[in-house]
Amino acid sequence: MNQSNISNANENLNIQFWKTTTHNVPVYFVSHQDLPMIDIAVNFNAGTLLESADKAGLASFTNSMLDKGTNLYDENSLDEALADLGAELSFPTNSETNSVRLRSLTNNQQNFQKGLDILINVLTKPKFDEKILQREIGYSVVELTDALTRPNVQVARAFNEIVFPNHPFGAMISVSSLNNIKTVDIKNFHKKYYVAQNAKILIVGDATKQQAEQIAEKIAVNLPNGELAKFPAFPPKTEKSEKIVLDHPATQSHILVGQVGIARDNADYFALIVGNYTLGSGGFQSRLLDEIREKRGLAYSVGSQFNANKHPGSFRISMQTKKENTKQALDLIQKIVSDFVQNGPTDEELKAAKDYLIGSFPLNVDSNSKMLEQVSKIAMLDLPLDTLKVWQENIAKISKEDIIKAFQRNINPQNFVTVVVGGEE
């Protein structure tokens, strides 16, 4: 994609930023006035990284319990009120952030304001009813008990526990941790973290700057004071390889191979993303899929990914294969990755990777909800406001040498963790 095409694709990526008069809450705003729809998110530094291992699940339960009743609504009347307004709430959770989101039509301003009032009420006046909490925990225990029998769940949990020892990333939700969560824990978590000093307000859609300022102020003035959350220190990378094999009656082995990866602010981020397209994220254009599936028929699907957020996530390669093919597949993974770390992509592979990543980028921002996701990442990671505008340019300037150096600095196949669920034959 040439420079003029990149510029044309970036016309609607203008992110405006300010802080509210009340509490100095950061606000990120993108005006899209082509549809009578607005998406509002209030993000808090209240993700799973702030849980203790013995109460893993506390962050997500705190967030999911917000719409189970407030001082004005029970859970049923809340759903009915939102449906009558043509609005909906959602409550996504990740390792760093708990988010409460409102999607609403804007062609009836009275209804929109009522929906905004509900958002604020849910944020600030939840009941956290003990009976409802125990009901929800009961549902989760049943779901988790079933999930723990599945090889894909077992392999992911074991991988995280080994790659992130003694850290919240490696602390998996268990039946015990769920049963340890009490109403007082949720109330305390909410009181501590759902505060103005932990908040960021995101607004995308049908609003002017003045309207967005009014919306943000209305939210901010209702948020209580508190203290900024302190995330735990991140453990150093492991310097040795480790392999575990867990028996399972499944006909195929489920495999995860990898290590601690990078944070999003790593200077090698774009080189690693471009390189990884060729290595394992580019589908049929990736070496892993070509060598393991197309040439040898050892797996239906195989791929690699970087989980790069504010804190370093994992680099992982995942696949399934027949038990008798496990050793051959693992040897191939080691060979393919080692070769790529040494030599990088060919010129043709590099061009294909950049063409795809640049050409497909507009699909990541072609709706309010997708734009909200992108702005949420920028806010969570404290990235520059022009991150989306220069994303394609950053991809375009990556060279083969950049990729080789980045992989050699950050990926060491000799120190990979390997987890196999299903056994080897």
Protein backbone atom coordinates (compact mmCIF):
# COMPACT_ATOMS: atom_id res chain seq x y z
CA MET A 1 0.00 0.00 0.00
CA ASN A 2 1.47 3.37 -0.98
CA GLN A 3 1.69 6.43 1.24
CA SER A 4 -1.41 8.14 -0.21
CA ASN A 5 -3.54 5.04 0.35
CA ILE A 6 -2.31 4.82 3.95
CA SER A 7 -3.25 8.46 4.49
CA ASN A 8 -6.72 7.92 3.03
CA ALA A 9 -7.27 4.91 5.28
CA ASN A 10 -6.39 7.03 8.33
CA GLU A 11 -8.89 9.84 7.83
CA ASN A 12 -11.21 8.65 10.61
CA LEU A 13 -8.55 7.80 13.21
CA ASN A 14 -8.39 11.13 15.02
CA ILE A 15 -8.37 10.50 18.78
CA GLN A 16 -9.03 13.54 20.95
CA PHE A 17 -7.77 13.57 24.54
CA TRP A 18 -8.41 15.66 27.63
CA LYS A 19 -8.98 15.26 31.36
CA THR A 20 -12.24 15.93 33.13
CA THR A 21 -12.58 18.98 35.33
CA THR A 22 -13.66 16.71 38.18
CA HIS A 23 -10.97 14.26 39.34
CA ASN A 24 -8.78 14.73 36.20
CA VAL A 25 -10.04 11.48 34.66
CA PRO A 26 -8.42 10.88 31.22
CA VAL A 27 -10.88 10.92 28.30
CA TYR A 28 -10.34 9.47 24.83
CA PHE A 29 -12.86 10.51 22.17
CA VAL A 30 -13.41 9.59 18.52
CA SER A 31 -16.28 11.29 16.70
CA HIS A 32 -18.10 9.08 14.18
CA GLN A 33 -21.37 10.79 13.34
CA ASP A 34 -22.43 8.74 10.34
CA LEU A 35 -24.67 6.48 12.47
CA PRO A 36 -26.92 7.38 15.47
CA MET A 37 -24.92 5.13 17.79
CA ILE A 38 -22.46 5.73 20.61
CA ASP A 39 -20.17 3.43 22.56
CA ILE A 40 -18.95 4.50 25.99
CA ALA A 41 -16.49 2.61 28.17
CA VAL A 42 -15.27 3.33 31.66
CA ASN A 43 -12.06 1.35 32.14
CA PHE A 44 -10.50 0.74 35.55
CA ASN A 45 -7.07 -0.57 36.50
CA ALA A 46 -8.82 -3.49 38.15
CA GLY A 47 -7.90 -6.58 36.14
CA THR A 48 -6.89 -10.07 37.16
CA LEU A 49 -3.29 -9.01 37.89
CA LEU A 50 -4.62 -7.51 41.13
CA GLU A 51 -6.09 -10.77 42.44
CA SER A 52 -4.48 -13.01 45.02
CA ALA A 53 -3.92 -16.60 43.93
CA ASP A 54 -6.25 -17.99 46.58
CA LYS A 55 -9.10 -15.84 45.20
CA ALA A 56 -8.39 -16.07 41.48
CA GLY A 57 -11.55 -14.98 39.69
CA LEU A 58 -12.29 -12.08 42.03
CA ALA A 59 -11.75 -9.36 39.41
CA SER A 60 -14.01 -10.92 36.81
CA PHE A 61 -16.70 -11.69 39.39
CA THR A 62 -16.64 -8.11 40.66
CA ASN A 63 -17.21 -6.84 37.14
CA SER A 64 -19.85 -9.39 36.19
CA MET A 65 -21.82 -8.76 39.39
CA LEU A 66 -22.30 -5.06 38.60
CA ASP A 67 -25.47 -5.66 36.60
CA LYS A 68 -26.95 -8.17 39.05
CA GLY A 69 -28.75 -5.45 40.98
CA THR A 70 -28.22 -1.89 42.22
CA ASN A 71 -29.90 0.42 44.72
CA LEU A 72 -32.45 1.26 41.99
CA TYR A 73 -32.85 -1.99 40.06
CA ASP A 74 -32.88 -5.72 40.57
CA GLU A 75 -31.23 -7.75 37.83
CA ASN A 76 -34.49 -8.32 35.91
CA SER A 77 -35.71 -4.72 35.99
CA LEU A 78 -32.27 -3.54 34.91
CA ASP A 79 -32.38 -5.74 31.80
CA GLU A 80 -35.90 -4.52 31.04
CA ALA A 81 -34.94 -0.86 31.44
CA LEU A 82 -32.00 -1.22 29.05
CA ALA A 83 -34.13 -3.08 26.48
CA ASP A 84 -36.78 -0.34 26.59
CA LEU A 85 -34.07 2.26 25.85
CA GLY A 86 -32.44 0.34 23.01
CA ALA A 87 -29.23 0.18 25.02
CA GLU A 88 -26.97 -2.57 26.28
CA LEU A 89 -24.23 -2.98 28.87
CA SER A 90 -21.19 -5.26 28.68
CA PHE A 91 -18.45 -6.05 31.18
CA PRO A 92 -15.19 -7.23 29.59
CA THR A 93 -12.26 -8.19 31.83
CA ASN A 94 -8.60 -8.77 31.07
CA SER A 95 -5.37 -9.00 33.03
CA GLU A 96 -5.02 -5.25 33.50
CA THR A 97 -8.46 -3.74 33.06
CA ASN A 98 -12.08 -4.18 34.08
CA SER A 99 -14.38 -2.31 31.74
CA VAL A 100 -18.03 -1.30 31.89
CA ARG A 101 -19.43 -0.38 28.49
CA LEU A 102 -22.65 1.22 27.29
CA ARG A 103 -23.86 0.99 23.71
CA SER A 104 -26.82 3.23 22.96
CA LEU A 105 -28.77 4.82 20.15
CA THR A 106 -28.51 8.60 20.05
CA ASN A 107 -31.55 9.52 17.96
CA ASN A 108 -33.55 9.95 21.19
CA GLN A 109 -31.47 12.05 23.57
CA GLN A 110 -33.83 11.53 26.48
CA ASN A 111 -33.43 7.76 26.21
CA PHE A 112 -29.67 8.12 25.80
CA GLN A 113 -29.41 10.17 29.00
CA LYS A 114 -31.43 7.51 30.85
CA GLY A 115 -29.03 4.88 29.58
CA LEU A 116 -26.08 6.97 30.76
CA ASP A 117 -27.72 7.27 34.18
CA ILE A 118 -28.01 3.48 34.32
CA LEU A 119 -24.32 3.11 33.46
CA ILE A 120 -23.40 5.43 36.32
CA ASN A 121 -25.78 3.69 38.71
CA VAL A 122 -24.29 0.30 37.86
CA LEU A 123 -20.76 1.63 38.32
CA THR A 124 -21.34 3.32 41.66
CA LYS A 125 -24.28 1.66 43.45
CA PRO A 126 -24.13 -2.12 42.94
CA LYS A 127 -25.77 -4.31 45.60
CA PHE A 128 -23.50 -7.37 45.37
CA ASP A 129 -26.24 -9.59 46.76
CA GLU A 130 -24.85 -12.66 48.59
CA LYS A 131 -27.47 -15.08 47.23
CA ILE A 132 -26.87 -13.98 43.65
CA LEU A 133 -23.10 -14.21 44.12
CA GLN A 134 -23.36 -17.77 45.41
CA ARG A 135 -25.64 -18.66 42.51
CA GLU A 136 -23.16 -17.27 40.00
CA ILE A 137 -20.23 -18.99 41.69
CA GLY A 138 -22.18 -22.23 41.59
CA TYR A 139 -22.66 -21.88 37.84
CA SER A 140 -18.97 -21.13 37.39
CA VAL A 141 -17.89 -24.12 39.47
CA VAL A 142 -19.96 -26.43 37.27
CA GLU A 143 -18.55 -24.86 34.10
CA LEU A 144 -14.98 -24.98 35.39
CA THR A 145 -15.27 -28.59 36.55
CA ASP A 146 -16.35 -29.55 33.05
CA ALA A 147 -13.69 -27.39 31.39
CA LEU A 148 -10.90 -28.96 33.45
CA THR A 149 -11.56 -32.30 31.72
CA ARG A 150 -10.73 -30.82 28.29
CA PRO A 151 -7.19 -31.16 26.93
CA ASN A 152 -7.14 -27.66 25.41
CA VAL A 153 -7.91 -26.16 28.82
CA GLN A 154 -5.40 -28.36 30.62
CA VAL A 155 -2.58 -27.47 28.25
CA ALA A 156 -3.20 -23.71 28.51
CA ARG A 157 -3.34 -23.78 32.31
CA ALA A 158 -0.19 -25.87 32.65
CA PHE A 159 1.67 -23.64 30.19
CA ASN A 160 0.78 -20.45 32.06
CA GLU A 161 1.70 -21.97 35.42
CA ILE A 162 5.17 -22.90 34.16
CA VAL A 163 5.91 -19.76 32.14
CA PHE A 164 4.68 -17.41 34.89
CA PRO A 165 5.53 -19.05 38.22
CA ASN A 166 4.62 -17.18 41.41
CA HIS A 167 2.82 -14.50 39.41
CA PRO A 168 -0.88 -13.70 38.80
CA PHE A 169 -0.49 -14.63 35.10
CA GLY A 170 0.21 -18.17 36.27
CA ALA A 171 -2.45 -18.28 39.01
CA MET A 172 -5.32 -20.20 37.47
CA ILE A 173 -8.93 -20.03 38.62
CA SER A 174 -9.81 -23.17 40.55
CA VAL A 175 -12.86 -24.55 42.31
CA SER A 176 -11.14 -23.68 45.57
CA SER A 177 -10.39 -20.08 44.58
CA LEU A 178 -13.97 -19.58 43.40
CA ASN A 179 -15.37 -20.91 46.65
CA ASN A 180 -13.07 -18.54 48.56
CA ILE A 181 -14.72 -15.46 47.02
CA LYS A 182 -17.19 -13.84 49.40
CA THR A 183 -19.37 -10.76 49.09
CA VAL A 184 -17.05 -8.78 51.36
CA ASP A 185 -14.15 -9.50 48.96
CA ILE A 186 -16.09 -8.15 46.00
CA LYS A 187 -17.22 -5.07 47.91
CA ASN A 188 -13.65 -4.35 49.00
CA PHE A 189 -12.28 -4.89 45.49
CA HIS A 190 -14.90 -2.57 44.05
CA LYS A 191 -14.30 0.09 46.70
CA LYS A 192 -10.53 -0.02 46.23
CA TYR A 193 -10.24 -0.09 42.45
CA TYR A 194 -13.43 1.39 40.92
CA VAL A 195 -12.33 4.94 41.70
CA ALA A 196 -11.64 8.06 39.68
CA GLN A 197 -7.86 7.76 40.03
CA ASN A 198 -8.03 4.32 38.38
CA ALA A 199 -10.47 5.29 35.62
CA LYS A 200 -10.26 6.19 31.95
CA ILE A 201 -13.32 7.19 29.92
CA LEU A 202 -13.61 6.23 26.25
CA ILE A 203 -16.27 7.62 23.90
CA VAL A 204 -16.66 6.57 20.27
CA GLY A 205 -19.50 7.49 17.96
CA ASP A 206 -22.26 10.00 17.40
CA ALA A 207 -21.26 12.97 19.54
CA THR A 208 -19.60 16.34 19.19
CA LYS A 209 -16.61 17.31 21.33
CA GLN A 210 -18.90 19.41 23.53
CA GLN A 211 -21.33 16.52 24.01
CA ALA A 212 -18.47 14.14 24.79
CA GLU A 213 -17.15 16.55 27.41
CA GLN A 214 -20.58 16.67 29.06
CA ILE A 215 -20.84 12.87 29.06
CA ALA A 216 -17.38 12.46 30.57
CA GLU A 217 -18.02 15.07 33.27
CA LYS A 218 -21.29 13.41 34.22
CA ILE A 219 -19.47 10.10 34.72
CA ALA A 220 -16.42 11.55 36.46
CA VAL A 221 -18.36 13.61 39.01
CA ASN A 222 -20.03 10.42 40.26
CA LEU A 223 -16.82 8.42 40.72
CA PRO A 224 -15.41 8.22 44.25
CA ASN A 225 -11.88 9.23 45.18
CA GLY A 226 -9.23 6.60 45.75
CA GLU A 227 -5.66 5.60 44.95
CA LEU A 228 -4.01 4.43 41.75
CA ALA A 229 -3.67 0.65 41.62
CA LYS A 230 -0.19 -0.83 41.99
CA PHE A 231 0.44 -3.84 39.76
CA PRO A 232 2.76 -6.61 40.95
CA ALA A 233 6.36 -6.73 39.76
CA PHE A 234 6.97 -8.92 36.75
CA PRO A 235 9.20 -11.99 37.21
CA PRO A 236 12.35 -12.39 35.09
CA LYS A 237 12.33 -14.66 32.05
CA THR A 238 13.17 -18.29 32.68
CA GLU A 239 16.62 -19.21 31.46
CA LYS A 240 16.09 -22.92 30.96
CA SER A 241 13.75 -25.12 29.00
CA GLU A 242 11.14 -27.29 30.65
CA LYS A 243 8.83 -29.98 29.33
CA ILE A 244 5.87 -31.72 30.89
CA VAL A 245 3.66 -34.43 29.43
CA LEU A 246 0.20 -35.05 30.89
CA ASP A 247 -1.86 -38.12 30.10
CA HIS A 248 -5.32 -37.71 28.58
CA PRO A 249 -7.58 -40.18 26.78
CA ALA A 250 -7.98 -37.85 23.79
CA THR A 251 -6.86 -39.31 20.47
CA GLN A 252 -4.68 -36.27 19.78
CA SER A 253 -2.01 -34.53 21.77
CA HIS A 254 -2.58 -30.84 22.52
CA ILE A 255 0.69 -28.93 22.46
CA LEU A 256 1.85 -25.50 23.59
CA VAL A 257 5.45 -24.39 23.13
CA GLY A 258 6.87 -21.00 24.06
CA GLN A 259 8.26 -18.57 26.60
CA VAL A 260 7.75 -15.14 28.16
CA GLY A 261 7.37 -12.66 25.33
CA ILE A 262 7.28 -8.87 25.25
CA ALA A 263 5.27 -5.91 26.47
CA ARG A 264 3.54 -3.70 23.89
CA ASP A 265 6.01 -0.85 24.43
CA ASN A 266 8.97 -3.01 23.44
CA ALA A 267 10.95 -1.33 20.66
CA ASP A 268 10.92 -4.63 18.74
CA TYR A 269 7.11 -4.92 18.72
CA PHE A 270 6.52 -4.16 15.03
CA ALA A 271 9.45 -6.26 13.82
CA LEU A 272 8.18 -9.21 15.84
CA ILE A 273 4.61 -8.80 14.55
CA VAL A 274 5.74 -8.65 10.93
CA GLY A 275 8.12 -11.56 11.41
CA ASN A 276 5.56 -13.67 13.23
CA TYR A 277 3.17 -13.38 10.28
CA THR A 278 5.68 -15.41 8.29
CA LEU A 279 6.58 -17.70 11.15
CA GLY A 280 3.15 -18.70 12.40
CA SER A 281 0.30 -16.18 12.34
CA GLY A 282 -0.16 -15.87 8.58
CA GLY A 283 -2.23 -19.01 8.01
CA PHE A 284 -1.24 -20.72 4.80
CA GLN A 285 1.50 -18.14 4.27
CA SER A 286 3.23 -19.16 7.50
CA ARG A 287 6.13 -21.58 7.70
CA LEU A 288 4.74 -23.55 10.61
CA LEU A 289 1.54 -24.38 8.77
CA ASP A 290 3.33 -25.03 5.50
CA GLU A 291 5.94 -27.37 6.95
CA ILE A 292 3.78 -29.17 9.52
CA ARG A 293 0.41 -29.38 7.78
CA GLU A 294 0.91 -28.91 4.06
CA LYS A 295 4.14 -30.82 3.56
CA ARG A 296 3.77 -33.51 6.23
CA GLY A 297 0.11 -33.65 7.25
CA LEU A 298 0.97 -33.74 10.96
CA ALA A 299 -1.68 -31.28 12.08
CA TYR A 300 -4.80 -29.54 10.82
CA SER A 301 -3.85 -26.24 12.41
CA VAL A 302 -0.69 -24.79 13.92
CA GLY A 303 0.23 -21.19 14.65
CA SER A 304 2.18 -18.77 16.82
CA GLN A 305 1.27 -15.54 18.60
CA PHE A 306 2.61 -12.78 20.83
CA ASN A 307 0.42 -11.62 23.72
CA ALA A 308 1.82 -8.13 24.21
CA ASN A 309 0.12 -5.80 26.67
CA LYS A 310 1.28 -3.37 29.37
CA HIS A 311 3.08 -6.29 30.99
CA PRO A 312 5.00 -8.92 29.00
CA GLY A 313 2.73 -11.76 27.95
CA SER A 314 3.69 -15.03 26.34
CA PHE A 315 5.00 -16.05 22.96
CA ARG A 316 3.35 -19.36 22.19
CA ILE A 317 3.03 -21.94 19.43
CA SER A 318 -0.06 -24.13 19.56
CA MET A 319 -1.07 -27.26 17.70
CA GLN A 320 -2.78 -30.61 17.90
CA THR A 321 -1.44 -33.81 16.41
CA LYS A 322 -1.83 -37.57 16.68
CA LYS A 323 0.00 -38.93 19.69
CA GLU A 324 2.36 -40.96 17.53
CA ASN A 325 3.38 -37.79 15.66
CA THR A 326 4.10 -35.69 18.75
CA LYS A 327 7.88 -36.06 18.82
CA GLN A 328 8.22 -35.41 15.09
CA ALA A 329 6.04 -32.31 15.36
CA LEU A 330 7.98 -30.93 18.34
CA ASP A 331 11.29 -31.50 16.57
CA LEU A 332 9.94 -29.66 13.54
CA ILE A 333 8.78 -26.70 15.63
CA GLN A 334 12.23 -26.40 17.17
CA LYS A 335 13.91 -26.58 13.75
CA ILE A 336 11.54 -24.09 12.05
CA VAL A 337 11.78 -21.52 14.83
CA SER A 338 15.55 -21.85 15.19
CA ASP A 339 16.01 -21.35 11.45
CA PHE A 340 13.71 -18.32 11.46
CA VAL A 341 15.52 -16.74 14.40
CA GLN A 342 18.81 -17.17 12.55
CA ASN A 343 17.75 -16.15 9.05
CA GLY A 344 14.40 -14.36 9.18
CA PRO A 345 11.96 -14.28 6.25
CA THR A 346 12.76 -14.30 2.55
CA ASP A 347 12.18 -11.09 0.59
CA GLU A 348 8.98 -12.58 -0.84
CA GLU A 349 7.72 -13.58 2.62
CA LEU A 350 8.46 -10.13 4.00
CA LYS A 351 6.52 -8.44 1.19
CA ALA A 352 3.54 -10.77 1.67
CA ALA A 353 3.50 -10.12 5.42
CA LYS A 354 3.63 -6.35 5.07
CA ASP A 355 1.05 -6.31 2.27
CA TYR A 356 -1.39 -8.30 4.36
CA LEU A 357 -0.88 -6.43 7.64
CA ILE A 358 -1.13 -3.02 5.98
CA GLY A 359 -4.01 -3.96 3.70
CA SER A 360 -6.12 -5.59 6.41
CA PHE A 361 -5.62 -2.86 8.99
CA PRO A 362 -8.77 -0.86 8.08
CA LEU A 363 -10.86 -3.90 9.03
CA ASN A 364 -9.69 -3.38 12.63
CA VAL A 365 -11.33 0.07 12.84
CA ASP A 366 -14.34 -0.18 10.52
CA SER A 367 -17.04 0.03 13.24
CA ASN A 368 -17.67 1.84 16.51
CA SER A 369 -17.12 -1.32 18.53
CA LYS A 370 -13.83 -2.15 16.81
CA MET A 371 -12.63 1.41 17.19
CA LEU A 372 -13.54 1.29 20.88
CA GLU A 373 -11.39 -1.82 21.26
CA GLN A 374 -8.45 -0.07 19.62
CA VAL A 375 -8.87 3.08 21.70
CA SER A 376 -9.19 0.93 24.82
CA LYS A 377 -5.81 -0.64 24.08
CA ILE A 378 -4.24 2.76 23.54
CA ALA A 379 -5.66 3.99 26.85
CA MET A 380 -4.71 0.87 28.78
CA LEU A 381 -1.17 0.83 27.43
CA ASP A 382 -0.65 4.61 27.53
CA LEU A 383 0.28 4.61 23.85
CA PRO A 384 0.59 7.80 21.78
CA LEU A 385 -2.66 9.20 20.38
CA ASP A 386 -1.41 8.76 16.81
CA THR A 387 -0.77 5.02 17.31
CA LEU A 388 -3.48 4.02 14.83
CA LYS A 389 -2.49 6.68 12.31
CA VAL A 390 1.14 5.53 12.13
CA TRP A 391 0.51 1.80 12.57
CA GLN A 392 0.69 1.03 8.85
CA GLU A 393 3.76 3.23 8.44
CA ASN A 394 5.49 1.36 11.26
CA ILE A 395 4.74 -1.92 9.54
CA ALA A 396 5.90 -0.63 6.15
CA LYS A 397 9.38 0.38 7.32
CA ILE A 398 10.31 -2.99 8.90
CA SER A 399 13.26 -4.68 7.18
CA LYS A 400 14.49 -8.25 7.15
CA GLU A 401 17.43 -7.21 9.34
CA ASP A 402 15.02 -5.65 11.85
CA ILE A 403 13.17 -8.94 12.14
CA ILE A 404 16.29 -11.06 12.59
CA LYS A 405 17.66 -8.78 15.30
CA ALA A 406 14.29 -8.59 17.08
CA PHE A 407 13.81 -12.36 17.15
CA GLN A 408 17.38 -12.94 18.29
CA ARG A 409 16.91 -10.46 21.13
CA ASN A 410 13.57 -11.80 22.31
CA ILE A 411 13.07 -15.44 21.27
CA ASN A 412 15.28 -18.32 22.39
CA PRO A 413 14.06 -21.76 21.22
CA GLN A 414 16.58 -23.42 23.53
CA ASN A 415 14.67 -22.07 26.53
CA PHE A 416 11.17 -22.97 25.34
CA VAL A 417 8.62 -24.41 27.73
CA THR A 418 6.80 -27.38 26.19
CA VAL A 419 3.50 -28.76 27.45
CA VAL A 420 1.89 -31.83 25.91
CA VAL A 421 -1.53 -33.01 27.05
CA GLY A 422 -2.44 -36.40 25.66
CA GLY A 423 0.93 -38.07 25.95
CA GLU A 424 3.51 -39.23 23.45
CA GLU A 425 3.72 -42.58 21.76
